[in-house]
Amino acid sequence: MKGLCAVSWGEGRLDLFWIGADGGLWHRWWDGTRWAADEPLGGQPASVPTVTAWATDEMEVFAIFADGALWNRYWDGHSWHGWESLGGELDAAYPPAATSWGADRLDVLATGRDGRLWHRWWNGREWVPWQLEEGAG
């Protein structure tokens, strides 16, 4: 197990994510009374994962892959959606950071291969293109 991260989207709920021995992303959750069995989510992340929740029963997990792009999967309350590339020229040695400050607002920050801090966010309709965070770092 490598790169454990956790999130809670509601009372009594805890979701864990990590990179397994197979190099893929894994998931396990606590529902307030018991732990579920480990669940493989696939992919081949080069970085450790990060996760955020933006509403009850909704969360998104991110990792940088070997291609230098940020990839994500999300849970919509019913099922996991497949891996999606959000692009970028990122350094997998530095894990991305993700947060949400409201329903349908997600922010993710990552260190570029240029050593600078890059930011991308979901505005409720679409992913806004990568922007350099001037003065950071």
Protein backbone atom coordinates (compact mmCIF):
# COMPACT_ATOMS: atom_id res chain seq x y z
CA MET A 1 0.00 0.00 0.00
CA LYS A 2 1.36 3.41 -1.00
CA GLY A 3 -0.01 6.93 -0.82
CA LEU A 4 -3.04 6.59 1.41
CA CYS A 5 -5.57 9.44 1.27
CA ALA A 6 -9.04 9.77 2.81
CA VAL A 7 -12.26 11.73 2.47
CA SER A 8 -15.66 11.88 4.15
CA TRP A 9 -18.78 13.00 2.31
CA GLY A 10 -21.19 12.50 5.21
CA GLU A 11 -21.68 11.51 8.82
CA GLY A 12 -20.33 8.04 9.55
CA ARG A 13 -18.75 7.72 6.10
CA LEU A 14 -15.03 7.37 5.38
CA ASP A 15 -13.44 6.50 2.01
CA LEU A 16 -9.79 5.47 1.65
CA PHE A 17 -7.72 5.38 -1.55
CA TRP A 18 -4.20 4.08 -2.16
CA ILE A 19 -1.88 2.60 -4.77
CA GLY A 20 -1.83 -1.18 -4.45
CA ALA A 21 0.93 -3.70 -5.06
CA ASP A 22 -0.36 -4.05 -8.66
CA GLY A 23 0.28 -0.31 -9.27
CA GLY A 24 -3.44 0.43 -9.63
CA LEU A 25 -5.73 2.59 -7.52
CA TRP A 26 -7.66 0.84 -4.74
CA HIS A 27 -10.63 1.93 -2.61
CA ARG A 28 -12.23 0.85 0.67
CA TRP A 29 -15.01 2.54 2.67
CA TRP A 30 -16.48 2.59 6.15
CA ASP A 31 -20.26 3.02 6.28
CA GLY A 32 -20.55 3.71 10.00
CA THR A 33 -20.80 0.07 11.01
CA ARG A 34 -18.36 -1.94 8.90
CA TRP A 35 -15.52 -1.78 6.37
CA ALA A 36 -16.33 -2.84 2.81
CA ALA A 37 -14.04 -5.13 0.84
CA ASP A 38 -11.17 -3.56 -1.09
CA GLU A 39 -12.24 -2.41 -4.55
CA PRO A 40 -9.85 -2.02 -7.50
CA LEU A 41 -10.32 1.20 -9.49
CA GLY A 42 -7.55 0.47 -12.00
CA GLY A 43 -5.28 2.87 -13.79
CA GLN A 44 -1.53 3.10 -13.31
CA PRO A 45 -0.93 6.26 -11.26
CA ALA A 46 2.66 7.49 -11.10
CA SER A 47 1.86 9.77 -8.13
CA VAL A 48 0.06 9.07 -4.92
CA PRO A 49 -3.64 9.90 -5.15
CA THR A 50 -5.64 12.74 -3.66
CA VAL A 51 -9.40 12.91 -3.18
CA THR A 52 -12.13 15.44 -2.41
CA ALA A 53 -15.89 15.30 -1.89
CA TRP A 54 -18.14 18.05 -3.23
CA ALA A 55 -21.55 16.82 -2.00
CA THR A 56 -23.18 13.97 -0.14
CA ASP A 57 -22.27 10.70 -1.85
CA GLU A 58 -20.12 12.43 -4.49
CA MET A 59 -16.33 12.42 -4.64
CA GLU A 60 -13.47 12.62 -7.08
CA VAL A 61 -10.02 11.07 -6.93
CA PHE A 62 -6.99 12.40 -8.82
CA ALA A 63 -3.47 11.16 -9.65
CA ILE A 64 -0.70 12.04 -12.06
CA PHE A 65 0.08 9.28 -14.55
CA ALA A 66 3.40 8.54 -16.31
CA ASP A 67 2.36 10.74 -19.25
CA GLY A 68 2.56 13.77 -16.93
CA ALA A 69 -1.18 14.40 -17.15
CA LEU A 70 -3.59 14.62 -14.24
CA TRP A 71 -6.17 11.84 -14.41
CA ASN A 72 -9.40 11.56 -12.43
CA ARG A 73 -12.29 9.23 -11.63
CA TYR A 74 -15.47 10.24 -9.84
CA TRP A 75 -18.29 8.65 -7.91
CA ASP A 76 -21.70 10.16 -8.68
CA GLY A 77 -23.62 8.40 -5.89
CA HIS A 78 -24.41 5.40 -8.08
CA SER A 79 -21.29 4.32 -9.94
CA TRP A 80 -17.65 5.07 -10.67
CA HIS A 81 -16.98 6.84 -13.96
CA GLY A 82 -13.91 5.82 -15.98
CA TRP A 83 -10.52 7.48 -15.87
CA GLU A 84 -10.42 10.86 -17.65
CA SER A 85 -7.31 12.84 -18.55
CA LEU A 86 -7.26 16.48 -17.48
CA GLY A 87 -3.97 17.07 -19.28
CA GLY A 88 -1.03 19.00 -17.97
CA GLU A 89 2.74 18.61 -17.88
CA LEU A 90 3.00 17.64 -14.22
CA ASP A 91 5.67 16.16 -11.97
CA ALA A 92 4.49 12.87 -10.45
CA ALA A 93 7.10 13.17 -7.67
CA TYR A 94 4.76 15.74 -6.09
CA PRO A 95 1.22 14.55 -5.42
CA PRO A 96 -1.63 16.80 -6.55
CA ALA A 97 -3.89 18.51 -4.01
CA ALA A 98 -7.66 18.72 -4.38
CA THR A 99 -10.45 20.46 -2.53
CA SER A 100 -14.02 21.65 -2.93
CA TRP A 101 -15.66 24.74 -1.49
CA GLY A 102 -19.18 24.06 -2.67
CA ALA A 103 -21.48 21.88 -4.72
CA ASP A 104 -20.10 21.41 -8.22
CA ARG A 105 -16.87 23.31 -7.47
CA LEU A 106 -13.64 21.34 -7.43
CA ASP A 107 -10.11 22.74 -7.39
CA VAL A 108 -6.95 20.77 -8.07
CA LEU A 109 -3.39 22.05 -7.83
CA ALA A 110 -0.23 20.30 -8.97
CA THR A 111 3.46 20.95 -9.49
CA GLY A 112 4.44 21.15 -13.14
CA ARG A 113 7.53 19.64 -14.71
CA ASP A 114 8.68 23.28 -14.80
CA GLY A 115 8.61 23.34 -10.96
CA ARG A 116 5.74 25.85 -10.89
CA LEU A 117 2.28 25.53 -9.33
CA TRP A 118 -0.59 24.88 -11.72
CA HIS A 119 -4.33 25.10 -10.98
CA ARG A 120 -7.39 23.70 -12.72
CA TRP A 121 -11.00 23.70 -11.52
CA TRP A 122 -14.47 22.41 -12.31
CA ASN A 123 -16.93 25.32 -12.43
CA GLY A 124 -20.10 23.23 -12.44
CA ARG A 125 -20.19 22.89 -16.23
CA GLU A 126 -16.64 22.22 -17.41
CA TRP A 127 -12.98 21.96 -16.44
CA VAL A 128 -11.34 25.37 -16.77
CA PRO A 129 -7.93 25.10 -18.56
CA TRP A 130 -4.73 24.90 -16.50
CA GLN A 131 -3.58 28.23 -15.11
CA LEU A 132 -0.24 29.12 -13.61
CA GLU A 133 -0.49 30.33 -10.01
CA GLU A 134 1.88 33.30 -10.09
CA GLY A 135 3.88 33.94 -6.95
CA ALA A 136 3.34 30.41 -5.59
CA GLY A 137 6.28 28.22 -4.77
